[in-house]
PDB file of N, CA and C in Angstrom:
ATOM      1  N   UNK A   1     102.914  67.596 106.940  1.00  0.00           N
ATOM      2  CA  UNK A   1     103.235  68.999 107.000  1.00  0.00           C
ATOM      3  C   UNK A   1     103.711  69.312 108.422  1.00  0.00           C
ATOM      4  N   UNK A   2     104.774  70.100 108.514  1.00  0.00           N
ATOM      5  CA  UNK A   2     105.325  70.465 109.811  1.00  0.00           C
ATOM      6  C   UNK A   2     104.456  71.532 110.474  1.00  0.00           C
ATOM      7  N   UNK A   3     104.416  71.489 111.763  1.00  0.00           N
ATOM      8  CA  UNK A   3     103.642  72.469 112.528  1.00  0.00           C
ATOM      9  C   UNK A   3     104.586  73.500 113.130  1.00  0.00           C
ATOM     10  N   UNK A   4     104.086  74.712 113.281  1.00  0.00           N
ATOM     11  CA  UNK A   4     104.859  75.770 113.905  1.00  0.00           C
ATOM     12  C   UNK A   4     104.659  75.728 115.409  1.00  0.00           C
ATOM     13  N   UNK A   5     105.735  75.950 116.150  1.00  0.00           N
ATOM     14  CA  UNK A   5     105.572  76.042 117.603  1.00  0.00           C
ATOM     15  C   UNK A   5     105.239  77.490 117.952  1.00  0.00           C
ATOM     16  N   UNK A   6     104.932  77.739 119.215  1.00  0.00           N
ATOM     17  CA  UNK A   6     104.501  79.074 119.659  1.00  0.00           C
ATOM     18  C   UNK A   6     105.579  80.132 119.423  1.00  0.00           C
ATOM     19  N   UNK A   7     106.835  79.760 119.614  1.00  0.00           N
ATOM     20  CA  UNK A   7     107.934  80.714 119.422  1.00  0.00           C
ATOM     21  C   UNK A   7     108.022  81.151 117.955  1.00  0.00           C
ATOM     22  N   UNK A   8     107.861  80.220 117.024  1.00  0.00           N
ATOM     23  CA  UNK A   8     107.892  80.550 115.601  1.00  0.00           C
ATOM     24  C   UNK A   8     106.697  81.422 115.215  1.00  0.00           C
ATOM     25  N   UNK A   9     105.538  81.131 115.775  1.00  0.00           N
ATOM     26  CA  UNK A   9     104.337  81.925 115.498  1.00  0.00           C
ATOM     27  C   UNK A   9     104.525  83.349 115.992  1.00  0.00           C
ATOM     28  N   UNK A  10     105.067  83.515 117.190  1.00  0.00           N
ATOM     29  CA  UNK A  10     105.305  84.853 117.734  1.00  0.00           C
ATOM     30  C   UNK A  10     106.339  85.606 116.895  1.00  0.00           C
ATOM     31  N   UNK A  11     107.352  84.896 116.388  1.00  0.00           N
ATOM     32  CA  UNK A  11     108.356  85.518 115.534  1.00  0.00           C
ATOM     33  C   UNK A  11     107.749  86.049 114.249  1.00  0.00           C
ATOM     34  N   UNK A  12     106.814  85.310 113.680  1.00  0.00           N
ATOM     35  CA  UNK A  12     106.133  85.742 112.463  1.00  0.00           C
ATOM     36  C   UNK A  12     105.236  86.935 112.755  1.00  0.00           C
ATOM     37  N   UNK A  13     104.495  86.885 113.851  1.00  0.00           N
ATOM     38  CA  UNK A  13     103.581  87.972 114.194  1.00  0.00           C
ATOM     39  C   UNK A  13     104.310  89.273 114.491  1.00  0.00           C
ATOM     40  N   UNK A  14     105.553  89.195 114.984  1.00  0.00           N
ATOM     41  CA  UNK A  14     106.330  90.409 115.250  1.00  0.00           C
ATOM     42  C   UNK A  14     106.599  91.190 113.972  1.00  0.00           C
ATOM     43  N   UNK A  15     106.680  90.507 112.839  1.00  0.00           N
ATOM     44  CA  UNK A  15     106.979  91.151 111.562  1.00  0.00           C
ATOM     45  C   UNK A  15     105.736  91.586 110.802  1.00  0.00           C
ATOM     46  N   UNK A  16     104.566  91.290 111.320  1.00  0.00           N
ATOM     47  CA  UNK A  16     103.326  91.690 110.668  1.00  0.00           C
ATOM     48  C   UNK A  16     103.024  93.144 111.002  1.00  0.00           C
ATOM     49  N   UNK A  17     102.362  93.814 110.084  1.00  0.00           N
ATOM     50  CA  UNK A  17     102.073  95.231 110.264  1.00  0.00           C
ATOM     51  C   UNK A  17     100.650  95.506 109.802  1.00  0.00           C
ATOM     52  N   UNK A  18      99.936  96.343 110.544  1.00  0.00           N
ATOM     53  CA  UNK A  18      98.584  96.716 110.123  1.00  0.00           C
ATOM     54  C   UNK A  18      98.422  98.229 110.060  1.00  0.00           C
ATOM     55  N   UNK A  19      99.506  98.976 110.235  1.00  0.00           N
ATOM     56  CA  UNK A  19      99.470 100.432 110.155  1.00  0.00           C
ATOM     57  C   UNK A  19      99.311 100.832 108.688  1.00  0.00           C
ATOM     58  N   UNK A  20      98.153 101.391 108.331  1.00  0.00           N
ATOM     59  CA  UNK A  20      97.856 101.680 106.928  1.00  0.00           C
ATOM     60  C   UNK A  20      98.781 102.722 106.328  1.00  0.00           C
ATOM     61  N   UNK A  21      99.232 103.697 107.116  1.00  0.00           N
ATOM     62  CA  UNK A  21     100.153 104.716 106.591  1.00  0.00           C
ATOM     63  C   UNK A  21     101.492 104.094 106.228  1.00  0.00           C
ATOM     64  N   UNK A  22     101.989 103.228 107.097  1.00  0.00           N
ATOM     65  CA  UNK A  22     103.264 102.570 106.830  1.00  0.00           C
ATOM     66  C   UNK A  22     103.151 101.644 105.627  1.00  0.00           C
ATOM     67  N   UNK A  23     102.041 100.910 105.537  1.00  0.00           N
ATOM     68  CA  UNK A  23     101.831 100.018 104.404  1.00  0.00           C
ATOM     69  C   UNK A  23     101.686 100.791 103.095  1.00  0.00           C
ATOM     70  N   UNK A  24     101.004 101.947 103.135  1.00  0.00           N
ATOM     71  CA  UNK A  24     100.853 102.770 101.935  1.00  0.00           C
ATOM     72  C   UNK A  24     102.208 103.291 101.475  1.00  0.00           C
ATOM     73  N   UNK A  25     103.042 103.704 102.410  1.00  0.00           N
ATOM     74  CA  UNK A  25     104.379 104.184 102.088  1.00  0.00           C
ATOM     75  C   UNK A  25     105.221 103.060 101.476  1.00  0.00           C
ATOM     76  N   UNK A  26     105.140 101.881 102.059  1.00  0.00           N
ATOM     77  CA  UNK A  26     105.870 100.723 101.553  1.00  0.00           C
ATOM     78  C   UNK A  26     105.375 100.346 100.161  1.00  0.00           C
ATOM     79  N   UNK A  27     104.082 100.391  99.947  1.00  0.00           N
ATOM     80  CA  UNK A  27     103.494 100.066  98.646  1.00  0.00           C
ATOM     81  C   UNK A  27     103.987 101.039  97.567  1.00  0.00           C
ATOM     82  N   UNK A  28     104.030 102.344  97.889  1.00  0.00           N
ATOM     83  CA  UNK A  28     104.524 103.343  96.918  1.00  0.00           C
ATOM     84  C   UNK A  28     105.981 103.086  96.567  1.00  0.00           C
ATOM     85  N   UNK A  29     106.784 102.727  97.558  1.00  0.00           N
ATOM     86  CA  UNK A  29     108.205 102.468  97.318  1.00  0.00           C
ATOM     87  C   UNK A  29     108.399 101.224  96.459  1.00  0.00           C
ATOM     88  N   UNK A  30     107.595 100.206  96.700  1.00  0.00           N
ATOM     89  CA  UNK A  30     107.726  98.966  95.935  1.00  0.00           C
ATOM     90  C   UNK A  30     107.180  99.104  94.520  1.00  0.00           C
ATOM     91  N   UNK A  31     106.290 100.055  94.300  1.00  0.00           N
ATOM     92  CA  UNK A  31     105.700 100.274  92.978  1.00  0.00           C
ATOM     93  C   UNK A  31     106.711 100.873  91.997  1.00  0.00           C
ATOM     94  N   UNK A  32     107.701 101.591  92.513  1.00  0.00           N
ATOM     95  CA  UNK A  32     108.686 102.260  91.667  1.00  0.00           C
ATOM     96  C   UNK A  32     109.715 101.260  91.134  1.00  0.00           C
ATOM     97  N   UNK A  33     110.275 101.570  89.973  1.00  0.00           N
ATOM     98  CA  UNK A  33     111.287 100.700  89.370  1.00  0.00           C
ATOM     99  C   UNK A  33     112.696 101.110  89.782  1.00  0.00           C
ATOM    100  N   UNK A  34     112.806 102.033  90.724  1.00  0.00           N
ATOM    101  CA  UNK A  34     114.105 102.526  91.161  1.00  0.00           C
ATOM    102  C   UNK A  34     114.103 102.760  92.665  1.00  0.00           C
ATOM    103  N   UNK A  35     115.306 102.750  93.249  1.00  0.00           N
ATOM    104  CA  UNK A  35     115.492 103.136  94.644  1.00  0.00           C
ATOM    105  C   UNK A  35     115.740 104.633  94.671  1.00  0.00           C
ATOM    106  N   UNK A  36     115.285 105.295  95.717  1.00  0.00           N
ATOM    107  CA  UNK A  36     115.431 106.739  95.808  1.00  0.00           C
ATOM    108  C   UNK A  36     115.811 107.102  97.239  1.00  0.00           C
ATOM    109  N   UNK A  37     116.687 108.116  97.381  1.00  0.00           N
ATOM    110  CA  UNK A  37     117.057 108.575  98.717  1.00  0.00           C
ATOM    111  C   UNK A  37     117.507 110.029  98.655  1.00  0.00           C
ATOM    112  N   UNK A  38     117.439 110.704  99.790  1.00  0.00           N
ATOM    113  CA  UNK A  38     117.955 112.066  99.931  1.00  0.00           C
ATOM    114  C   UNK A  38     119.164 112.000 100.850  1.00  0.00           C
ATOM    115  N   UNK A  39     120.285 112.562 100.395  1.00  0.00           N
ATOM    116  CA  UNK A  39     121.530 112.491 101.158  1.00  0.00           C
ATOM    117  C   UNK A  39     122.219 113.855 101.161  1.00  0.00           C
ATOM    118  N   UNK A  40     123.186 114.007 102.041  1.00  0.00           N
ATOM    119  CA  UNK A  40     123.970 115.242 102.090  1.00  0.00           C
ATOM    120  C   UNK A  40     124.910 115.293 100.883  1.00  0.00           C
ATOM    121  N   UNK A  41     125.480 116.455 100.633  1.00  0.00           N
ATOM    122  CA  UNK A  41     126.379 116.621  99.498  1.00  0.00           C
ATOM    123  C   UNK A  41     127.596 115.707  99.601  1.00  0.00           C
ATOM    124  N   UNK A  42     128.142 115.543 100.811  1.00  0.00           N
ATOM    125  CA  UNK A  42     129.315 114.683 101.005  1.00  0.00           C
ATOM    126  C   UNK A  42     129.000 113.231 100.663  1.00  0.00           C
ATOM    127  N   UNK A  43     127.859 112.763 101.129  1.00  0.00           N
ATOM    128  CA  UNK A  43     127.479 111.374 100.861  1.00  0.00           C
ATOM    129  C   UNK A  43     127.101 111.175  99.398  1.00  0.00           C
ATOM    130  N   UNK A  44     126.630 112.219  98.746  1.00  0.00           N
ATOM    131  CA  UNK A  44     126.254 112.125  97.336  1.00  0.00           C
ATOM    132  C   UNK A  44     127.452 111.771  96.478  1.00  0.00           C
ATOM    133  N   UNK A  45     128.613 112.318  96.787  1.00  0.00           N
ATOM    134  CA  UNK A  45     129.820 112.008  96.018  1.00  0.00           C
ATOM    135  C   UNK A  45     130.175 110.532  96.130  1.00  0.00           C
ATOM    136  N   UNK A  46     130.021 109.966  97.329  1.00  0.00           N
ATOM    137  CA  UNK A  46     130.301 108.543  97.525  1.00  0.00           C
ATOM    138  C   UNK A  46     129.290 107.681  96.777  1.00  0.00           C
ATOM    139  N   UNK A  47     128.035 108.080  96.794  1.00  0.00           N
ATOM    140  CA  UNK A  47     126.986 107.292  96.144  1.00  0.00           C
ATOM    141  C   UNK A  47     127.085 107.331  94.625  1.00  0.00           C
ATOM    142  N   UNK A  48     127.620 108.416  94.083  1.00  0.00           N
ATOM    143  CA  UNK A  48     127.798 108.493  92.633  1.00  0.00           C
ATOM    144  C   UNK A  48     128.735 107.395  92.140  1.00  0.00           C
ATOM    145  N   UNK A  49     129.673 107.001  92.975  1.00  0.00           N
ATOM    146  CA  UNK A  49     130.599 105.919  92.636  1.00  0.00           C
ATOM    147  C   UNK A  49     129.900 104.567  92.667  1.00  0.00           C
ATOM    148  N   UNK A  50     128.728 104.492  93.303  1.00  0.00           N
ATOM    149  CA  UNK A  50     127.973 103.241  93.445  1.00  0.00           C
ATOM    150  C   UNK A  50     126.765 103.213  92.511  1.00  0.00           C
ATOM    151  N   UNK A  51     126.841 103.880  91.374  1.00  0.00           N
ATOM    152  CA  UNK A  51     125.798 103.887  90.331  1.00  0.00           C
ATOM    153  C   UNK A  51     124.537 104.652  90.698  1.00  0.00           C
ATOM    154  N   UNK A  52     124.599 105.537  91.671  1.00  0.00           N
ATOM    155  CA  UNK A  52     123.470 106.404  91.974  1.00  0.00           C
ATOM    156  C   UNK A  52     123.541 107.621  91.056  1.00  0.00           C
ATOM    157  N   UNK A  53     122.395 108.134  90.643  1.00  0.00           N
ATOM    158  CA  UNK A  53     122.332 109.289  89.750  1.00  0.00           C
ATOM    159  C   UNK A  53     121.653 110.436  90.489  1.00  0.00           C
ATOM    160  N   UNK A  54     122.214 111.623  90.351  1.00  0.00           N
ATOM    161  CA  UNK A  54     121.664 112.818  90.984  1.00  0.00           C
ATOM    162  C   UNK A  54     120.423 113.261  90.201  1.00  0.00           C
ATOM    163  N   UNK A  55     119.304 113.408  90.905  1.00  0.00           N
ATOM    164  CA  UNK A  55     118.052 113.795  90.255  1.00  0.00           C
ATOM    165  C   UNK A  55     117.740 115.265  90.529  1.00  0.00           C
ATOM    166  N   UNK A  56     117.768 115.640  91.793  1.00  0.00           N
ATOM    167  CA  UNK A  56     117.450 117.009  92.192  1.00  0.00           C
ATOM    168  C   UNK A  56     118.471 117.475  93.227  1.00  0.00           C
ATOM    169  N   UNK A  57     118.967 118.679  93.051  1.00  0.00           N
ATOM    170  CA  UNK A  57     119.860 119.275  94.040  1.00  0.00           C
ATOM    171  C   UNK A  57     119.092 120.353  94.787  1.00  0.00           C
ATOM    172  N   UNK A  58     118.995 120.186  96.081  1.00  0.00           N
ATOM    173  CA  UNK A  58     118.307 121.147  96.932  1.00  0.00           C
ATOM    174  C   UNK A  58     119.337 121.988  97.683  1.00  0.00           C
ATOM    175  N   UNK A  59     118.882 122.784  98.608  1.00  0.00           N
ATOM    176  CA  UNK A  59     119.767 123.684  99.338  1.00  0.00           C
ATOM    177  C   UNK A  59     120.792 122.931 100.182  1.00  0.00           C
ATOM    178  N   UNK A  60     120.352 121.906 100.893  1.00  0.00           N
ATOM    179  CA  UNK A  60     121.256 121.177 101.785  1.00  0.00           C
ATOM    180  C   UNK A  60     121.352 119.693 101.473  1.00  0.00           C
ATOM    181  N   UNK A  61     120.536 119.198 100.556  1.00  0.00           N
ATOM    182  CA  UNK A  61     120.509 117.770 100.249  1.00  0.00           C
ATOM    183  C   UNK A  61     120.467 117.529  98.745  1.00  0.00           C
ATOM    184  N   UNK A  62     120.710 116.284  98.386  1.00  0.00           N
ATOM    185  CA  UNK A  62     120.649 115.855  96.998  1.00  0.00           C
ATOM    186  C   UNK A  62     119.741 114.633  96.943  1.00  0.00           C
ATOM    187  N   UNK A  63     118.771 114.631  96.045  1.00  0.00           N
ATOM    188  CA  UNK A  63     117.914 113.464  95.851  1.00  0.00           C
ATOM    189  C   UNK A  63     118.542 112.615  94.748  1.00  0.00           C
ATOM    190  N   UNK A  64     118.715 111.316  95.045  1.00  0.00           N
ATOM    191  CA  UNK A  64     119.396 110.418  94.123  1.00  0.00           C
ATOM    192  C   UNK A  64     118.539 109.196  93.835  1.00  0.00           C
ATOM    193  N   UNK A  65     118.795 108.578  92.676  1.00  0.00           N
ATOM    194  CA  UNK A  65     118.075 107.371  92.265  1.00  0.00           C
ATOM    195  C   UNK A  65     119.058 106.378  91.669  1.00  0.00           C
ATOM    196  N   UNK A  66     118.643 105.106  91.696  1.00  0.00           N
ATOM    197  CA  UNK A  66     119.353 104.054  90.965  1.00  0.00           C
ATOM    198  C   UNK A  66     118.336 102.964  90.638  1.00  0.00           C
ATOM    199  N   UNK A  67     118.548 102.246  89.553  1.00  0.00           N
ATOM    200  CA  UNK A  67     117.612 101.155  89.219  1.00  0.00           C
ATOM    201  C   UNK A  67     117.694 100.059  90.279  1.00  0.00           C
ATOM    202  N   UNK A  68     116.563  99.445  90.573  1.00  0.00           N
ATOM    203  CA  UNK A  68     116.550  98.344  91.539  1.00  0.00           C
ATOM    204  C   UNK A  68     117.239  97.129  90.910  1.00  0.00           C
ATOM    205  N   UNK A  69     117.914  96.309  91.725  1.00  0.00           N
ATOM    206  CA  UNK A  69     118.449  95.046  91.204  1.00  0.00           C
ATOM    207  C   UNK A  69     117.308  94.181  90.672  1.00  0.00           C
ATOM    208  N   UNK A  70     117.599  93.338  89.709  1.00  0.00           N
ATOM    209  CA  UNK A  70     116.562  92.553  89.028  1.00  0.00           C
ATOM    210  C   UNK A  70     115.751  91.711  90.012  1.00  0.00           C
ATOM    211  N   UNK A  71     116.404  91.043  90.949  1.00  0.00           N
ATOM    212  CA  UNK A  71     115.694  90.197  91.909  1.00  0.00           C
ATOM    213  C   UNK A  71     114.752  90.988  92.796  1.00  0.00           C
ATOM    214  N   UNK A  72     115.202  92.146  93.249  1.00  0.00           N
ATOM    215  CA  UNK A  72     114.379  93.005  94.105  1.00  0.00           C
ATOM    216  C   UNK A  72     113.204  93.562  93.308  1.00  0.00           C
ATOM    217  N   UNK A  73     113.463  93.984  92.067  1.00  0.00           N
ATOM    218  CA  UNK A  73     112.394  94.528  91.229  1.00  0.00           C
ATOM    219  C   UNK A  73     111.317  93.470  90.973  1.00  0.00           C
ATOM    220  N   UNK A  74     111.727  92.222  90.736  1.00  0.00           N
ATOM    221  CA  UNK A  74     110.768  91.143  90.509  1.00  0.00           C
ATOM    222  C   UNK A  74     109.939  90.886  91.762  1.00  0.00           C
ATOM    223  N   UNK A  75     110.595  90.822  92.909  1.00  0.00           N
ATOM    224  CA  UNK A  75     109.886  90.604  94.174  1.00  0.00           C
ATOM    225  C   UNK A  75     108.890  91.730  94.439  1.00  0.00           C
ATOM    226  N   UNK A  76     109.297  92.964  94.186  1.00  0.00           N
ATOM    227  CA  UNK A  76     108.414  94.106  94.400  1.00  0.00           C
ATOM    228  C   UNK A  76     107.225  94.079  93.443  1.00  0.00           C
ATOM    229  N   UNK A  77     107.470  93.627  92.214  1.00  0.00           N
ATOM    230  CA  UNK A  77     106.378  93.547  91.243  1.00  0.00           C
ATOM    231  C   UNK A  77     105.340  92.518  91.687  1.00  0.00           C
ATOM    232  N   UNK A  78     105.799  91.379  92.163  1.00  0.00           N
ATOM    233  CA  UNK A  78     104.888  90.335  92.654  1.00  0.00           C
ATOM    234  C   UNK A  78     104.143  90.841  93.888  1.00  0.00           C
ATOM    235  N   UNK A  79     104.849  91.488  94.799  1.00  0.00           N
ATOM    236  CA  UNK A  79     104.240  92.012  96.025  1.00  0.00           C
ATOM    237  C   UNK A  79     103.176  93.043  95.695  1.00  0.00           C
ATOM    238  N   UNK A  80     103.428  93.864  94.675  1.00  0.00           N
ATOM    239  CA  UNK A  80     102.503  94.928  94.304  1.00  0.00           C
ATOM    240  C   UNK A  80     101.253  94.443  93.600  1.00  0.00           C
ATOM    241  N   UNK A  81     101.218  93.173  93.195  1.00  0.00           N
ATOM    242  CA  UNK A  81     100.044  92.650  92.511  1.00  0.00           C
ATOM    243  C   UNK A  81      98.895  92.377  93.471  1.00  0.00           C
ATOM    244  N   UNK A  82      99.180  92.401  94.748  1.00  0.00           N
ATOM    245  CA  UNK A  82      98.131  92.210  95.742  1.00  0.00           C
ATOM    246  C   UNK A  82      97.202  93.421  95.706  1.00  0.00           C
ATOM    247  N   UNK A  83      95.910  93.183  95.654  1.00  0.00           N
ATOM    248  CA  UNK A  83      94.952  94.274  95.608  1.00  0.00           C
ATOM    249  C   UNK A  83      94.894  95.034  96.922  1.00  0.00           C
ATOM    250  N   UNK A  84      95.035  94.330  98.025  1.00  0.00           N
ATOM    251  CA  UNK A  84      94.946  94.929  99.344  1.00  0.00           C
ATOM    252  C   UNK A  84      96.152  94.494 100.161  1.00  0.00           C
ATOM    253  N   UNK A  85      97.241  95.288 100.177  1.00  0.00           N
ATOM    254  CA  UNK A  85      98.437  94.861 100.861  1.00  0.00           C
ATOM    255  C   UNK A  85      98.379  94.971 102.382  1.00  0.00           C
ATOM    256  N   UNK A  86      97.236  95.330 102.947  1.00  0.00           N
ATOM    257  CA  UNK A  86      97.139  95.465 104.403  1.00  0.00           C
ATOM    258  C   UNK A  86      97.385  94.096 105.046  1.00  0.00           C
ATOM    259  N   UNK A  87      98.240  94.100 106.048  1.00  0.00           N
ATOM    260  CA  UNK A  87      98.561  92.851 106.739  1.00  0.00           C
ATOM    261  C   UNK A  87      99.778  92.160 106.185  1.00  0.00           C
ATOM    262  N   UNK A  88     100.387  92.704 105.114  1.00  0.00           N
ATOM    263  CA  UNK A  88     101.594  92.117 104.561  1.00  0.00           C
ATOM    264  C   UNK A  88     102.743  92.370 105.514  1.00  0.00           C
ATOM    265  N   UNK A  89     103.834  91.666 105.306  1.00  0.00           N
ATOM    266  CA  UNK A  89     105.009  91.867 106.145  1.00  0.00           C
ATOM    267  C   UNK A  89     105.641  93.212 105.872  1.00  0.00           C
ATOM    268  N   UNK A  90     106.094  93.874 106.916  1.00  0.00           N
ATOM    269  CA  UNK A  90     106.749  95.181 106.773  1.00  0.00           C
ATOM    270  C   UNK A  90     108.228  95.040 106.987  1.00  0.00           C
TER     271      UNK A  90
END
């Protein structure tokens, strides 16, 4: 088995996260079967051409959704099976 050098270990540790609020937010996003974003009206027109669907129209923004790609949805499903995602990569 190959060993990691100090530079590789530091590179891995840079991507680790222990902030519970950030992890909770990431967990909620990965739990959903769709991507969601809020954009301006101008950007909404461009996103509609990219298979985004308008969900809610607000005063200055539009909330849009689209189904996650199959590979991303599978990865998110596996990631979400962890009982305690604290310490996962962010």
